[in-house]
Protein backbone atom coordinates (compact mmCIF):
# COMPACT_ATOMS: atom_id res chain seq x y z
CA UNK A 1 21.50 15.96 3.98
CA UNK A 2 23.25 17.16 0.75
CA UNK A 3 21.27 16.81 -2.52
CA UNK A 4 23.81 14.24 -3.73
CA UNK A 5 23.32 12.16 -0.53
CA UNK A 6 19.57 12.49 -0.85
CA UNK A 7 19.58 11.36 -4.47
CA UNK A 8 21.70 8.31 -3.55
CA UNK A 9 19.38 7.44 -0.65
CA UNK A 10 16.39 7.72 -3.02
CA UNK A 11 18.16 5.51 -5.55
CA UNK A 12 18.86 2.94 -2.81
CA UNK A 13 15.16 2.91 -1.77
CA UNK A 14 13.93 2.65 -5.31
CA UNK A 15 16.15 -0.34 -6.23
CA UNK A 16 15.47 -1.96 -2.83
CA UNK A 17 11.76 -1.69 -3.30
CA UNK A 18 12.13 -3.70 -6.54
CA UNK A 19 14.16 -6.34 -4.77
CA UNK A 20 11.79 -6.68 -1.80
CA UNK A 21 8.75 -6.82 -4.21
CA UNK A 22 10.33 -9.50 -6.23
CA UNK A 23 12.02 -11.63 -3.56
CA UNK A 24 10.41 -10.87 -0.20
CA UNK A 25 12.08 -9.55 2.88
CA UNK A 26 14.26 -12.46 4.03
CA UNK A 27 15.87 -13.12 0.57
CA UNK A 28 17.33 -9.63 0.13
CA UNK A 29 20.86 -9.06 1.43
CA UNK A 30 23.03 -5.92 1.58
CA UNK A 31 25.06 -7.60 -1.19
CA UNK A 32 22.01 -7.76 -3.43
CA UNK A 33 21.38 -4.04 -2.74
CA UNK A 34 24.95 -3.26 -3.59
CA UNK A 35 24.60 -5.04 -6.92
CA UNK A 36 21.25 -3.44 -7.69
CA UNK A 37 22.43 0.05 -6.84
CA UNK A 38 26.05 -0.36 -8.19
CA UNK A 39 27.22 1.06 -4.86
CA UNK A 40 30.17 -0.17 -2.96
CA UNK A 41 29.58 -1.80 0.44
CA UNK A 42 31.02 1.28 2.20
CA UNK A 43 28.82 3.58 0.11
CA UNK A 44 25.71 1.57 0.98
CA UNK A 45 26.52 1.28 4.72
CA UNK A 46 27.07 5.04 4.96
CA UNK A 47 23.29 5.33 4.33
CA UNK A 48 21.83 2.24 5.96
CA UNK A 49 23.19 -0.30 8.50
CA UNK A 50 21.08 -3.15 7.10
CA UNK A 51 18.17 -4.34 5.09
CA UNK A 52 15.75 -3.93 7.99
CA UNK A 53 16.47 -0.16 8.06
CA UNK A 54 16.18 0.05 4.32
CA UNK A 55 12.73 -1.70 4.43
CA UNK A 56 11.62 0.58 7.23
CA UNK A 57 12.59 3.65 5.20
CA UNK A 58 10.59 2.30 2.24
CA UNK A 59 7.53 1.84 4.47
CA UNK A 60 7.92 5.29 5.92
CA UNK A 61 8.25 6.79 2.46
CA UNK A 62 5.22 4.95 1.26
CA UNK A 63 3.24 6.25 4.21
CA UNK A 64 4.30 9.79 3.49
CA UNK A 65 3.56 9.72 -0.20
CA UNK A 66 0.33 7.72 0.20
CA UNK A 67 -1.28 7.66 -3.25
CA UNK A 68 -4.52 7.30 -1.49
CA UNK A 69 -4.41 10.46 0.66
CA UNK A 70 -8.11 10.62 1.60
CA UNK A 71 -7.85 13.36 4.20
CA UNK A 72 -6.32 15.81 1.79
CA UNK A 73 -9.06 15.25 -0.74
CA UNK A 74 -11.80 15.33 1.92
CA UNK A 75 -10.44 18.77 3.08
CA UNK A 76 -10.71 20.10 -0.43
CA UNK A 77 -14.35 18.97 -0.52
CA UNK A 78 -13.84 16.23 -3.16
CA UNK A 79 -16.84 13.94 -3.44
CA UNK A 80 -16.55 10.78 -1.51
CA UNK A 81 -17.57 8.87 -4.69
CA UNK A 82 -14.60 10.27 -6.63
CA UNK A 83 -12.10 9.59 -3.78
CA UNK A 84 -13.40 5.99 -3.50
CA UNK A 85 -13.42 5.35 -7.31
CA UNK A 86 -9.71 6.63 -7.57
CA UNK A 87 -8.81 4.34 -4.61
CA UNK A 88 -10.61 1.35 -6.19
CA UNK A 89 -8.80 1.98 -9.52
CA UNK A 90 -5.50 2.07 -7.71
CA UNK A 91 -6.35 -1.08 -5.78
CA UNK A 92 -7.38 -2.83 -9.02
CA UNK A 93 -4.22 -1.92 -10.65
CA UNK A 94 -2.13 -3.13 -7.61
CA UNK A 95 -4.03 -6.37 -7.46
CA UNK A 96 -3.34 -6.90 -11.21
CA UNK A 97 0.41 -6.41 -10.68
CA UNK A 98 1.55 -8.59 -7.77
CA UNK A 99 5.11 -8.29 -8.92
CA UNK A 100 5.08 -4.65 -7.61
CA UNK A 101 3.59 -5.70 -4.26
CA UNK A 102 5.46 -5.53 -0.90
CA UNK A 103 2.84 -7.87 0.63
CA UNK A 104 5.13 -10.87 0.96
CA UNK A 105 8.00 -8.79 2.25
CA UNK A 106 5.71 -7.06 4.82
CA UNK A 107 4.62 -10.42 6.05
CA UNK A 108 8.08 -11.65 6.51
CA UNK A 109 9.22 -8.34 8.08
CA UNK A 110 6.44 -8.55 10.59
CA UNK A 111 7.62 -12.00 11.55
CA UNK A 112 11.09 -10.51 12.24
CA UNK A 113 10.13 -7.32 14.15
CA UNK A 114 6.86 -8.51 15.85
CA UNK A 115 3.24 -7.55 15.16
CA UNK A 116 3.25 -4.23 17.11
CA UNK A 117 4.86 -2.27 14.18
CA UNK A 118 2.45 -3.80 11.69
CA UNK A 119 -0.50 -3.11 14.03
CA UNK A 120 0.29 0.64 13.85
CA UNK A 121 0.71 0.50 9.99
CA UNK A 122 -2.71 -1.38 9.81
CA UNK A 123 -4.40 1.13 12.16
CA UNK A 124 -3.50 3.93 9.79
CA UNK A 125 -5.27 2.09 6.99
CA UNK A 126 -8.31 1.31 9.18
CA UNK A 127 -8.67 5.01 10.27
CA UNK A 128 -8.23 6.30 6.74
CA UNK A 129 -10.89 3.98 5.28
CA UNK A 130 -13.26 4.56 8.28
CA UNK A 131 -13.02 8.39 7.84
CA UNK A 132 -13.67 8.13 4.10
CA UNK A 133 -16.79 5.89 4.50
CA UNK A 134 -18.18 8.08 7.26
CA UNK A 135 -17.45 11.14 5.11
CA UNK A 136 -19.41 9.46 2.22
CA UNK A 137 -22.38 8.58 4.51
CA UNK A 138 -22.51 12.16 6.00
CA UNK A 139 -22.57 13.60 2.47
CA UNK A 140 -25.40 11.20 1.48
CA UNK A 141 -23.15 9.59 -1.18
CA UNK A 142 -22.90 6.27 0.50
CA UNK A 143 -25.65 4.27 2.09
CA UNK A 144 -25.68 3.56 5.84
CA UNK A 145 -23.40 0.50 6.41
CA UNK A 146 -21.62 -1.12 9.28
CA UNK A 147 -18.44 0.93 8.74
CA UNK A 148 -16.10 -1.45 10.56
CA UNK A 149 -17.47 -4.40 8.59
CA UNK A 150 -16.85 -2.78 5.09
CA UNK A 151 -13.48 -1.45 6.23
CA UNK A 152 -12.41 -4.99 7.22
CA UNK A 153 -13.54 -6.36 3.80
CA UNK A 154 -11.70 -3.57 1.96
CA UNK A 155 -8.46 -3.96 3.87
CA UNK A 156 -8.23 -7.72 4.25
CA UNK A 157 -9.67 -8.97 1.04
CA UNK A 158 -7.40 -6.48 -0.86
CA UNK A 159 -4.29 -7.61 1.08
CA UNK A 160 -5.33 -11.31 0.70
CA UNK A 161 -5.69 -11.01 -3.05
CA UNK A 162 -2.31 -9.28 -3.29
CA UNK A 163 -0.69 -11.98 -1.26
CA UNK A 164 -2.37 -14.86 -3.11
CA UNK A 165 -1.73 -13.41 -6.47
CA UNK A 166 1.95 -13.92 -5.75
CA UNK A 167 1.44 -17.67 -5.94
CA UNK A 168 -1.62 -18.26 -8.04
CA UNK A 169 -2.97 -16.63 -11.29
CA UNK A 170 -5.72 -14.22 -10.19
CA UNK A 171 -8.44 -13.96 -12.85
CA UNK A 172 -9.47 -10.45 -13.84
CA UNK A 173 -13.10 -11.43 -13.16
CA UNK A 174 -12.13 -12.14 -9.45
CA UNK A 175 -10.58 -8.77 -9.04
CA UNK A 176 -13.58 -7.04 -10.78
CA UNK A 177 -15.98 -8.97 -8.51
CA UNK A 178 -14.21 -7.62 -5.39
CA UNK A 179 -14.31 -4.03 -6.64
CA UNK A 180 -17.95 -4.47 -7.69
CA UNK A 181 -18.81 -5.86 -4.27
CA UNK A 182 -17.43 -2.82 -2.49
CA UNK A 183 -19.29 -0.52 -4.83
CA UNK A 184 -22.56 -2.45 -4.24
CA UNK A 185 -22.18 -2.40 -0.48
CA UNK A 186 -21.86 1.33 -0.57
CA UNK A 187 -24.41 1.71 -3.43
CA UNK A 188 -21.83 3.49 -5.56
CA UNK A 189 -22.07 3.96 -9.31
CA UNK A 190 -18.86 5.02 -11.07
CA UNK A 191 -20.65 7.99 -12.82
CA UNK A 192 -22.32 9.29 -9.56
CA UNK A 193 -21.12 12.57 -7.95
CA UNK A 194 -17.90 12.69 -10.09
């Protein structure tokens, strides 16, 4: 792909992300994407045949540039506490900014394509968090916990708050209590092992 084509593709994905985060999956049309990107219909269709493919490219890109790349940090020998604290800060920021969340769009997308694709996406998250918690336990930074149980709390409470914060005001204390609960369950103190 030529550099210009690649820049145009990135522009489409960036503007489409904003549309999907604001409006959900079903409400975004190719016409909306044309308007947001200031591309002609032909220009847009030369990159993507429809909104489904645009959304899938966004999900793929998010997976590739995962801001919470635990494995890379674990391979460097970064403390489990530092990795977790960085992840919790990112999660807190995301929970505080529901307007930037793809949660609603992902829910609607899953209804269109079936749960199998989302199962795979979810499995990646489960494996990533499981590996981090086991890494922290092995290093003696986290207490012994039921790993599957705490992973479920982390994944599903976090996603639930992101979804609910789209429709109700989420108090900062609620978000702080969730982050605090995860720390307490693992017996993590922000200043430890950093």
